[in-house]
Amino acid sequence: MDAKPDVDGRRVCAELDKLATFSDADPPDVTRVLFTQQDLAARAYLKGLFAEAGLTIRQDAVGNLFARWPGTEAELPAVATGSHTDAIPHSGRYDGTVGVLGALEAIRALARTGLRPRRSIELIMFTSEEPTRFGLGCLGSRLLTGSLDPQKAGQLVDFEGQSLEQVRSDAGLEGAMASVRLPAGAYSAFVELHIEQGPILEQEGLDIGIVTAIAAPATLRVTLRGAGGHAGATLMPGRRDAFLAAAEIALAAERAALESGSADAVATTGFCRIHPGAVNSIPSRAVLEIDVRDIRLGVRDRMVTEIRRAAQEVAGRREVTLTIDTLNADPPAECDPSIVAVVRAACAGRGVSSMPMVSRAYHDSLFMARIAPTGMIFIPCRGGISHRPDEFASPEAIERGVGVLAETLYRLASQ
């Protein structure tokens, strides 16, 4: 492009700091769960920023936010960008948010050049990329892309017994869940800016990661029922302790990843709920949620099979009943080679270093890749740390990433 977009990195960082104040945890922790008061307040803040930038705003029936900068040929399929702003309990301020506020600044920077591309550029803030409330990640992008049945989505229930249908209504959202799905050909391309959430870019001393593939996640919910009893009066040989069975299964999940033969294989037991939850009572029920990932579908599925086999063996030996539900088992996504090439050219155009890499974390891009050519841009984060309060991306890294995103969006929207 003739005029290079001049990115205001300090403004983005100030907006990231402000967004972090909408939290149910004390700083530096950030907790922002779907449709809580803090989430709704954060959405109002974003809408204000989008309106201030002169963007056309709409919101769908599940709360996905859209902010459009019209192109000169607005009837053409738009180029989309964006990410999420919900945050798991006691996490950081950069995961997802850089891709929303960074996309906003990319559009503002392009507008400041006085140039306007053919295609519109649309910023999307996806609802509930994190699985915190309903146990299923990427709710908004799953519904947008037709990857989740709307009726099943409405029936999802949180741990307080509230359905998604109920909480979205309480948040003031109207319309049928089926209306969320995008029409065919809505976007000509989708690009997501995100922190790496890993250490590779920092270790290599590089500015930008150009994502070529996104790992395939599966989530299992394991429910175990044993027999409760008094912690002092029930002797060890006759116990049917649901938690001890759960602990063995969590270790089996770790073992399945370590013995998979794949450097990209990971398995995490990130959730465990015990009933009745008293120090002097033997656990009669335990619920685990296990996250299993690899960029190769066959490896991921073999790990899931091994975890299921081990769980059956543990449950039989410990005489507890076992139920395993698959909450999701999504295929991996390949980033579009043409988008990868455009990002590479944008990096060269701005004089920043880059490398191709895979995303071991999954993102809304995983689902957007089903309906549009998709790419991702990674920026370094300190120590590769994410989902923790000390998650950090430098202002310089953010500014470079937003600059590359702006160039990429302009090139794609000019096609």
Protein backbone atom coordinates (compact mmCIF):
# COMPACT_ATOMS: atom_id res chain seq x y z
CA MET A 1 0.00 0.00 0.00
CA ASP A 2 1.15 3.53 -0.72
CA ALA A 3 0.76 4.92 2.80
CA LYS A 4 1.91 2.79 5.75
CA PRO A 5 -0.65 2.68 8.57
CA ASP A 6 0.78 4.36 11.66
CA VAL A 7 -0.24 2.32 14.70
CA ASP A 8 -0.81 3.99 18.08
CA GLY A 9 0.54 1.24 20.33
CA ARG A 10 0.21 3.29 23.52
CA ARG A 11 -3.50 3.75 22.89
CA VAL A 12 -4.01 0.01 22.43
CA CYS A 13 -2.17 -0.73 25.67
CA ALA A 14 -4.20 1.88 27.55
CA GLU A 15 -7.40 0.30 26.24
CA LEU A 16 -6.15 -3.16 27.23
CA ASP A 17 -5.48 -1.83 30.74
CA LYS A 18 -8.97 -0.35 30.93
CA LEU A 19 -10.59 -3.55 29.70
CA ALA A 20 -8.71 -5.49 32.40
CA THR A 21 -10.55 -3.48 35.07
CA PHE A 22 -13.80 -5.22 34.13
CA SER A 23 -13.04 -8.24 36.28
CA ASP A 24 -14.45 -10.31 39.12
CA ALA A 25 -10.92 -10.76 40.53
CA ASP A 26 -8.58 -8.20 42.05
CA PRO A 27 -5.70 -6.99 39.84
CA PRO A 28 -3.46 -8.21 38.35
CA ASP A 29 -5.82 -11.23 38.01
CA VAL A 30 -8.56 -11.01 35.39
CA THR A 31 -11.78 -13.04 35.63
CA ARG A 32 -14.46 -12.23 33.06
CA VAL A 33 -16.98 -15.01 32.51
CA LEU A 34 -19.72 -15.02 29.88
CA PHE A 35 -22.73 -12.78 30.64
CA THR A 36 -21.67 -11.86 34.17
CA GLN A 37 -22.03 -8.21 35.12
CA GLN A 38 -18.34 -7.61 34.40
CA ASP A 39 -18.65 -9.24 30.98
CA LEU A 40 -21.65 -7.09 30.14
CA ALA A 41 -19.80 -3.97 31.32
CA ALA A 42 -16.80 -4.87 29.15
CA ARG A 43 -19.10 -5.29 26.16
CA ALA A 44 -20.56 -1.84 26.77
CA TYR A 45 -17.04 -0.39 26.89
CA LEU A 46 -16.17 -2.04 23.57
CA LYS A 47 -19.34 -0.79 21.92
CA GLY A 48 -18.39 2.72 22.98
CA LEU A 49 -14.96 2.38 21.37
CA PHE A 50 -16.44 0.94 18.18
CA ALA A 51 -18.94 3.78 17.94
CA GLU A 52 -16.21 6.38 18.59
CA ALA A 53 -14.28 4.92 15.64
CA GLY A 54 -17.31 5.42 13.39
CA LEU A 55 -17.92 1.70 12.86
CA THR A 56 -21.31 0.16 12.18
CA ILE A 57 -22.22 -2.07 15.12
CA ARG A 58 -24.53 -5.05 15.42
CA GLN A 59 -24.97 -7.88 17.91
CA ASP A 60 -26.41 -11.31 17.21
CA ALA A 61 -28.64 -13.55 19.33
CA VAL A 62 -25.78 -15.14 21.28
CA GLY A 63 -23.85 -11.91 21.81
CA ASN A 64 -21.23 -11.99 19.06
CA LEU A 65 -20.35 -8.32 18.42
CA PHE A 66 -19.65 -7.02 14.90
CA ALA A 67 -18.13 -3.64 14.03
CA ARG A 68 -17.81 -2.87 10.31
CA TRP A 69 -15.69 -0.35 8.42
CA PRO A 70 -17.38 -0.10 4.99
CA GLY A 71 -15.29 -0.51 1.86
CA THR A 72 -15.80 1.28 -1.44
CA GLU A 73 -17.63 -1.79 -2.77
CA ALA A 74 -19.57 -2.69 0.35
CA GLU A 75 -21.62 -5.33 -1.45
CA LEU A 76 -18.56 -7.58 -1.72
CA PRO A 77 -17.92 -10.23 0.96
CA ALA A 78 -16.02 -8.53 3.77
CA VAL A 79 -12.64 -9.36 5.29
CA ALA A 80 -13.10 -10.27 8.96
CA THR A 81 -10.79 -10.10 11.95
CA GLY A 82 -11.17 -10.31 15.71
CA SER A 83 -10.97 -12.56 18.76
CA HIS A 84 -12.55 -12.79 22.23
CA THR A 85 -12.58 -10.83 25.48
CA ASP A 86 -13.90 -13.37 27.99
CA ALA A 87 -11.25 -14.54 30.46
CA ILE A 88 -10.95 -17.71 32.52
CA PRO A 89 -10.76 -17.26 36.31
CA HIS A 90 -7.57 -15.60 37.56
CA SER A 91 -5.97 -15.19 34.14
CA GLY A 92 -4.26 -12.31 32.33
CA ARG A 93 -5.19 -9.30 30.21
CA TYR A 94 -3.81 -10.18 26.75
CA ASP A 95 -5.36 -13.50 25.71
CA GLY A 96 -7.95 -12.72 23.03
CA THR A 97 -8.15 -9.05 23.93
CA VAL A 98 -5.11 -8.14 21.79
CA GLY A 99 -6.98 -9.54 18.80
CA VAL A 100 -10.05 -7.38 19.49
CA LEU A 101 -8.51 -4.06 20.54
CA GLY A 102 -5.59 -4.62 18.16
CA ALA A 103 -8.04 -5.12 15.28
CA LEU A 104 -9.83 -1.93 16.27
CA GLU A 105 -6.54 0.00 16.15
CA ALA A 106 -5.66 -1.64 12.81
CA ILE A 107 -8.89 -0.27 11.35
CA ARG A 108 -8.31 3.17 12.92
CA ALA A 109 -4.76 3.21 11.54
CA LEU A 110 -6.00 2.34 8.05
CA ALA A 111 -8.66 5.04 8.27
CA ARG A 112 -5.99 7.60 9.22
CA THR A 113 -4.14 6.93 5.94
CA GLY A 114 -7.10 8.29 4.00
CA LEU A 115 -7.17 5.12 1.91
CA ARG A 116 -10.21 2.87 1.78
CA PRO A 117 -10.10 -0.67 0.37
CA ARG A 118 -12.71 -2.26 -1.91
CA ARG A 119 -14.01 -4.70 0.68
CA SER A 120 -15.41 -3.83 4.06
CA ILE A 121 -13.39 -4.88 7.11
CA GLU A 122 -15.43 -6.35 9.95
CA LEU A 123 -14.19 -6.75 13.51
CA ILE A 124 -15.79 -9.64 15.45
CA MET A 125 -15.76 -10.02 19.22
CA PHE A 126 -16.68 -13.68 19.62
CA THR A 127 -18.88 -14.81 22.50
CA SER A 128 -17.33 -17.22 24.99
CA GLU A 129 -14.18 -18.55 23.37
CA GLU A 130 -13.34 -19.92 26.80
CA PRO A 131 -15.28 -22.96 28.07
CA THR A 132 -15.49 -21.60 31.63
CA ARG A 133 -19.25 -21.30 32.03
CA PHE A 134 -20.72 -24.02 29.83
CA GLY A 135 -17.83 -26.44 29.37
CA LEU A 136 -17.64 -25.85 25.62
CA GLY A 137 -15.22 -23.37 24.08
CA CYS A 138 -15.79 -21.16 21.04
CA LEU A 139 -19.56 -21.00 21.50
CA GLY A 140 -19.93 -17.90 19.33
CA SER A 141 -17.78 -19.07 16.43
CA ARG A 142 -19.28 -22.59 16.55
CA LEU A 143 -22.75 -21.10 16.10
CA LEU A 144 -21.62 -18.57 13.49
CA THR A 145 -20.16 -21.34 11.34
CA GLY A 146 -22.89 -23.93 11.81
CA SER A 147 -20.56 -26.17 13.81
CA LEU A 148 -22.96 -26.43 16.77
CA ASP A 149 -26.65 -27.28 16.63
CA PRO A 150 -28.56 -24.19 17.87
CA GLN A 151 -31.06 -26.26 19.85
CA LYS A 152 -28.27 -28.14 21.64
CA ALA A 153 -26.50 -24.85 22.32
CA GLY A 154 -29.57 -23.39 24.01
CA GLN A 155 -29.77 -26.43 26.28
CA LEU A 156 -26.19 -26.17 27.55
CA VAL A 157 -26.26 -25.84 31.34
CA ASP A 158 -23.71 -24.22 33.66
CA PHE A 159 -22.78 -25.57 37.09
CA GLU A 160 -25.50 -23.49 38.73
CA GLY A 161 -28.12 -25.20 36.57
CA GLN A 162 -28.75 -22.20 34.30
CA SER A 163 -29.12 -22.84 30.59
CA LEU A 164 -27.47 -20.77 27.87
CA GLU A 165 -30.96 -19.91 26.64
CA GLN A 166 -31.80 -18.51 30.07
CA VAL A 167 -28.61 -16.52 30.66
CA ARG A 168 -28.60 -14.95 27.20
CA SER A 169 -32.21 -13.86 27.75
CA ASP A 170 -31.25 -12.40 31.14
CA ALA A 171 -28.47 -10.49 29.32
CA GLY A 172 -31.07 -8.88 27.07
CA LEU A 173 -30.31 -10.87 23.92
CA GLU A 174 -33.23 -11.69 21.64
CA GLY A 175 -33.81 -13.70 18.51
CA ALA A 176 -33.62 -17.37 17.62
CA MET A 177 -30.29 -19.10 18.22
CA ALA A 178 -30.48 -20.40 14.63
CA SER A 179 -30.24 -16.81 13.36
CA VAL A 180 -26.60 -16.62 14.51
CA ARG A 181 -25.30 -18.73 11.62
CA LEU A 182 -23.64 -16.64 8.93
CA PRO A 183 -24.86 -16.88 5.34
CA ALA A 184 -22.61 -18.70 2.89
CA GLY A 185 -19.83 -16.49 1.51
CA ALA A 186 -20.22 -13.81 4.19
CA TYR A 187 -16.44 -13.31 4.39
CA SER A 188 -13.71 -13.54 1.80
CA ALA A 189 -11.06 -14.03 4.51
CA PHE A 190 -10.57 -14.11 8.28
CA VAL A 191 -7.39 -13.19 10.17
CA GLU A 192 -6.89 -13.37 13.96
CA LEU A 193 -4.16 -11.58 15.90
CA HIS A 194 -3.20 -13.34 19.14
CA ILE A 195 -0.42 -13.74 21.67
CA GLU A 196 1.52 -16.94 21.04
CA GLN A 197 0.80 -18.45 24.48
CA GLY A 198 4.09 -20.31 24.09
CA PRO A 199 7.83 -19.48 24.27
CA ILE A 200 9.08 -20.07 20.73
CA LEU A 201 9.03 -16.53 19.30
CA GLU A 202 10.73 -15.12 22.38
CA GLN A 203 13.36 -17.88 22.36
CA GLU A 204 14.07 -17.32 18.66
CA GLY A 205 14.14 -13.53 19.01
CA LEU A 206 11.49 -13.11 16.29
CA ASP A 207 8.68 -10.60 15.97
CA ILE A 208 5.82 -12.51 14.35
CA GLY A 209 4.60 -16.08 14.11
CA ILE A 210 2.68 -16.93 10.94
CA VAL A 211 0.35 -19.77 11.88
CA THR A 212 0.07 -22.64 9.42
CA ALA A 213 -2.11 -25.09 11.42
CA ILE A 214 -4.25 -25.13 14.58
CA ALA A 215 -4.28 -28.13 16.93
CA ALA A 216 -7.29 -30.40 17.29
CA PRO A 217 -8.90 -30.30 20.74
CA ALA A 218 -11.11 -32.90 22.42
CA THR A 219 -12.75 -32.47 25.82
CA LEU A 220 -13.92 -35.38 27.97
CA ARG A 221 -16.14 -35.14 31.06
CA VAL A 222 -15.55 -38.11 33.34
CA THR A 223 -18.11 -38.77 36.09
CA LEU A 224 -17.33 -41.31 38.82
CA ARG A 225 -19.71 -42.54 41.52
CA GLY A 226 -18.47 -44.51 44.47
CA ALA A 227 -19.66 -44.74 48.07
CA GLY A 228 -19.40 -42.01 50.67
CA GLY A 229 -18.84 -42.49 54.35
CA HIS A 230 -17.23 -41.18 57.49
CA ALA A 231 -13.51 -40.53 57.05
CA GLY A 232 -12.71 -42.03 60.44
CA ALA A 233 -15.18 -44.90 60.69
CA THR A 234 -14.86 -46.45 57.20
CA LEU A 235 -11.76 -48.63 56.99
CA MET A 236 -9.49 -48.45 53.95
CA PRO A 237 -9.95 -51.94 52.44
CA GLY A 238 -13.69 -51.50 51.87
CA ARG A 239 -13.66 -47.99 50.42
CA ARG A 240 -14.98 -47.02 46.98
CA ASP A 241 -13.44 -43.54 46.85
CA ALA A 242 -14.52 -41.67 43.69
CA PHE A 243 -11.76 -39.09 43.97
CA LEU A 244 -8.93 -41.63 44.15
CA ALA A 245 -10.28 -43.22 40.99
CA ALA A 246 -10.38 -39.76 39.42
CA ALA A 247 -6.77 -39.13 40.46
CA GLU A 248 -5.64 -42.31 38.73
CA ILE A 249 -7.49 -41.31 35.57
CA ALA A 250 -5.86 -37.87 35.58
CA LEU A 251 -2.46 -39.55 35.77
CA ALA A 252 -3.48 -41.88 32.95
CA ALA A 253 -4.29 -38.84 30.80
CA GLU A 254 -0.82 -37.43 31.46
CA ARG A 255 0.73 -40.79 30.61
CA ALA A 256 -1.25 -41.02 27.35
CA ALA A 257 0.27 -37.74 26.15
CA LEU A 258 3.81 -38.56 27.30
CA GLU A 259 3.72 -41.95 25.59
CA SER A 260 2.01 -40.77 22.38
CA GLY A 261 5.26 -40.33 20.46
CA SER A 262 4.25 -36.81 19.42
CA ALA A 263 6.03 -33.66 20.62
CA ASP A 264 2.80 -31.71 20.11
CA ALA A 265 0.58 -34.02 22.20
CA VAL A 266 -0.83 -32.59 25.44
CA ALA A 267 -3.45 -33.74 27.93
CA THR A 268 -4.66 -31.63 30.85
CA THR A 269 -7.09 -32.42 33.64
CA GLY A 270 -8.04 -28.83 34.36
CA PHE A 271 -11.23 -29.37 36.33
CA CYS A 272 -12.16 -31.64 39.23
CA ARG A 273 -15.28 -31.34 41.40
CA ILE A 274 -15.74 -33.61 44.41
CA HIS A 275 -18.92 -34.39 46.33
CA PRO A 276 -19.64 -33.80 49.15
CA GLY A 277 -16.41 -31.78 49.47
CA ALA A 278 -15.81 -32.17 53.21
CA VAL A 279 -12.44 -33.05 54.72
CA ASN A 280 -13.98 -35.72 56.95
CA SER A 281 -16.12 -37.39 54.30
CA ILE A 282 -15.07 -39.95 51.69
CA PRO A 283 -15.80 -38.56 48.18
CA SER A 284 -18.83 -40.34 46.75
CA ARG A 285 -18.73 -38.55 43.39
CA ALA A 286 -16.07 -36.90 41.29
CA VAL A 287 -16.29 -35.07 37.97
CA LEU A 288 -13.20 -34.46 35.82
CA GLU A 289 -12.83 -32.51 32.60
CA ILE A 290 -9.86 -33.55 30.46
CA ASP A 291 -8.49 -31.54 27.52
CA VAL A 292 -6.60 -33.58 24.89
CA ARG A 293 -4.84 -32.00 21.89
CA ASP A 294 -2.51 -32.57 18.97
CA ILE A 295 -2.20 -31.04 15.51
CA ARG A 296 -2.62 -34.57 14.08
CA LEU A 297 -6.11 -35.97 14.44
CA GLY A 298 -4.94 -39.59 14.57
CA VAL A 299 -2.61 -38.93 17.50
CA ARG A 300 -5.29 -37.01 19.38
CA ASP A 301 -7.85 -39.77 18.88
CA ARG A 302 -5.43 -42.48 19.99
CA MET A 303 -4.85 -40.57 23.23
CA VAL A 304 -8.59 -40.31 23.81
CA THR A 305 -8.96 -44.05 23.24
CA GLU A 306 -6.18 -44.80 25.71
CA ILE A 307 -7.68 -42.50 28.36
CA ARG A 308 -11.04 -44.22 27.97
CA ARG A 309 -9.42 -47.66 28.27
CA ALA A 310 -7.50 -46.65 31.39
CA ALA A 311 -10.62 -45.11 32.96
CA GLN A 312 -12.55 -48.34 32.46
CA GLU A 313 -9.76 -50.34 34.08
CA VAL A 314 -9.51 -47.98 37.08
CA ALA A 315 -13.26 -47.89 37.61
CA GLY A 316 -13.54 -51.66 37.51
CA ARG A 317 -10.66 -52.20 39.92
CA ARG A 318 -11.90 -49.57 42.39
CA GLU A 319 -15.56 -50.62 42.05
CA VAL A 320 -16.91 -47.23 41.08
CA THR A 321 -19.34 -46.50 38.26
CA LEU A 322 -18.04 -44.56 35.29
CA THR A 323 -19.59 -42.27 32.69
CA ILE A 324 -17.51 -40.56 29.99
CA ASP A 325 -19.09 -37.84 27.86
CA THR A 326 -17.33 -36.27 24.89
CA LEU A 327 -18.07 -32.55 25.14
CA ASN A 328 -16.29 -31.81 21.87
CA ALA A 329 -13.87 -33.50 19.49
CA ASP A 330 -12.95 -31.06 16.75
CA PRO A 331 -10.70 -31.67 13.74
CA PRO A 332 -7.56 -29.57 13.29
CA ALA A 333 -7.53 -26.66 10.87
CA GLU A 334 -5.04 -25.71 8.18
CA CYS A 335 -4.46 -22.02 7.59
CA ASP A 336 -5.04 -20.98 4.00
CA PRO A 337 -1.75 -20.79 2.04
CA SER A 338 -2.83 -17.59 0.32
CA ILE A 339 -3.46 -15.90 3.67
CA VAL A 340 -0.11 -17.17 4.97
CA ALA A 341 1.55 -15.60 1.91
CA VAL A 342 -0.19 -12.25 2.49
CA VAL A 343 0.89 -12.18 6.15
CA ARG A 344 4.46 -13.01 5.11
CA ALA A 345 4.40 -10.14 2.58
CA ALA A 346 2.98 -7.78 5.22
CA CYS A 347 5.83 -8.70 7.58
CA ALA A 348 8.36 -8.02 4.84
CA GLY A 349 6.64 -4.74 4.00
CA ARG A 350 6.98 -3.54 7.59
CA GLY A 351 10.50 -4.91 8.08
CA VAL A 352 9.64 -7.31 10.90
CA SER A 353 11.03 -10.80 11.33
CA SER A 354 8.75 -13.83 11.20
CA MET A 355 8.59 -17.61 11.15
CA PRO A 356 5.93 -20.21 10.29
CA MET A 357 4.56 -22.10 13.28
CA VAL A 358 1.66 -24.22 14.48
CA SER A 359 -0.84 -23.17 17.13
CA ARG A 360 -1.03 -25.73 19.92
CA ALA A 361 -3.79 -23.69 21.53
CA TYR A 362 -7.12 -23.53 19.73
CA HIS A 363 -8.95 -20.37 18.82
CA ASP A 364 -12.07 -19.11 17.09
CA SER A 365 -10.00 -19.33 13.89
CA LEU A 366 -10.36 -23.12 14.12
CA PHE A 367 -14.05 -22.74 13.28
CA MET A 368 -13.82 -19.71 11.01
CA ALA A 369 -11.54 -21.81 8.79
CA ARG A 370 -14.63 -23.88 7.94
CA ILE A 371 -16.34 -20.97 6.19
CA ALA A 372 -13.55 -18.68 4.93
CA PRO A 373 -9.84 -18.73 4.06
CA THR A 374 -8.24 -18.16 7.47
CA GLY A 375 -4.91 -17.13 8.95
CA MET A 376 -3.45 -16.22 12.34
CA ILE A 377 -0.75 -13.78 13.42
CA PHE A 378 1.11 -14.50 16.66
CA ILE A 379 3.11 -12.02 18.73
CA PRO A 380 5.56 -13.05 21.49
CA CYS A 381 4.49 -13.21 25.12
CA ARG A 382 6.96 -13.15 27.98
CA GLY A 383 8.13 -16.60 28.98
CA GLY A 384 5.40 -18.16 26.88
CA ILE A 385 3.07 -17.64 29.86
CA SER A 386 -0.69 -17.43 29.36
CA HIS A 387 -3.87 -18.09 31.35
CA ARG A 388 -2.08 -16.61 34.36
CA PRO A 389 -2.10 -13.12 35.91
CA ASP A 390 1.55 -12.59 34.87
CA GLU A 391 0.72 -13.05 31.18
CA PHE A 392 2.46 -10.18 29.34
CA ALA A 393 3.02 -8.89 25.82
CA SER A 394 5.22 -5.82 25.43
CA PRO A 395 3.85 -2.60 23.93
CA GLU A 396 6.42 -2.94 21.15
CA ALA A 397 5.28 -6.48 20.31
CA ILE A 398 1.65 -5.39 20.29
CA GLU A 399 2.39 -2.41 18.05
CA ARG A 400 4.31 -4.58 15.56
CA GLY A 401 1.54 -7.17 15.53
CA VAL A 402 -1.16 -4.58 14.95
CA GLY A 403 0.90 -3.06 12.14
CA VAL A 404 1.22 -6.42 10.40
CA LEU A 405 -2.50 -7.05 10.90
CA ALA A 406 -3.36 -3.66 9.38
CA GLU A 407 -1.19 -4.34 6.32
CA THR A 408 -2.67 -7.82 5.96
CA LEU A 409 -6.25 -6.62 6.21
CA TYR A 410 -5.66 -3.87 3.67
CA ARG A 411 -4.04 -6.25 1.17
CA LEU A 412 -6.87 -8.77 1.54
CA ALA A 413 -9.60 -6.13 1.41
CA SER A 414 -8.09 -4.63 -1.73
CA GLN A 415 -8.38 -7.90 -3.67
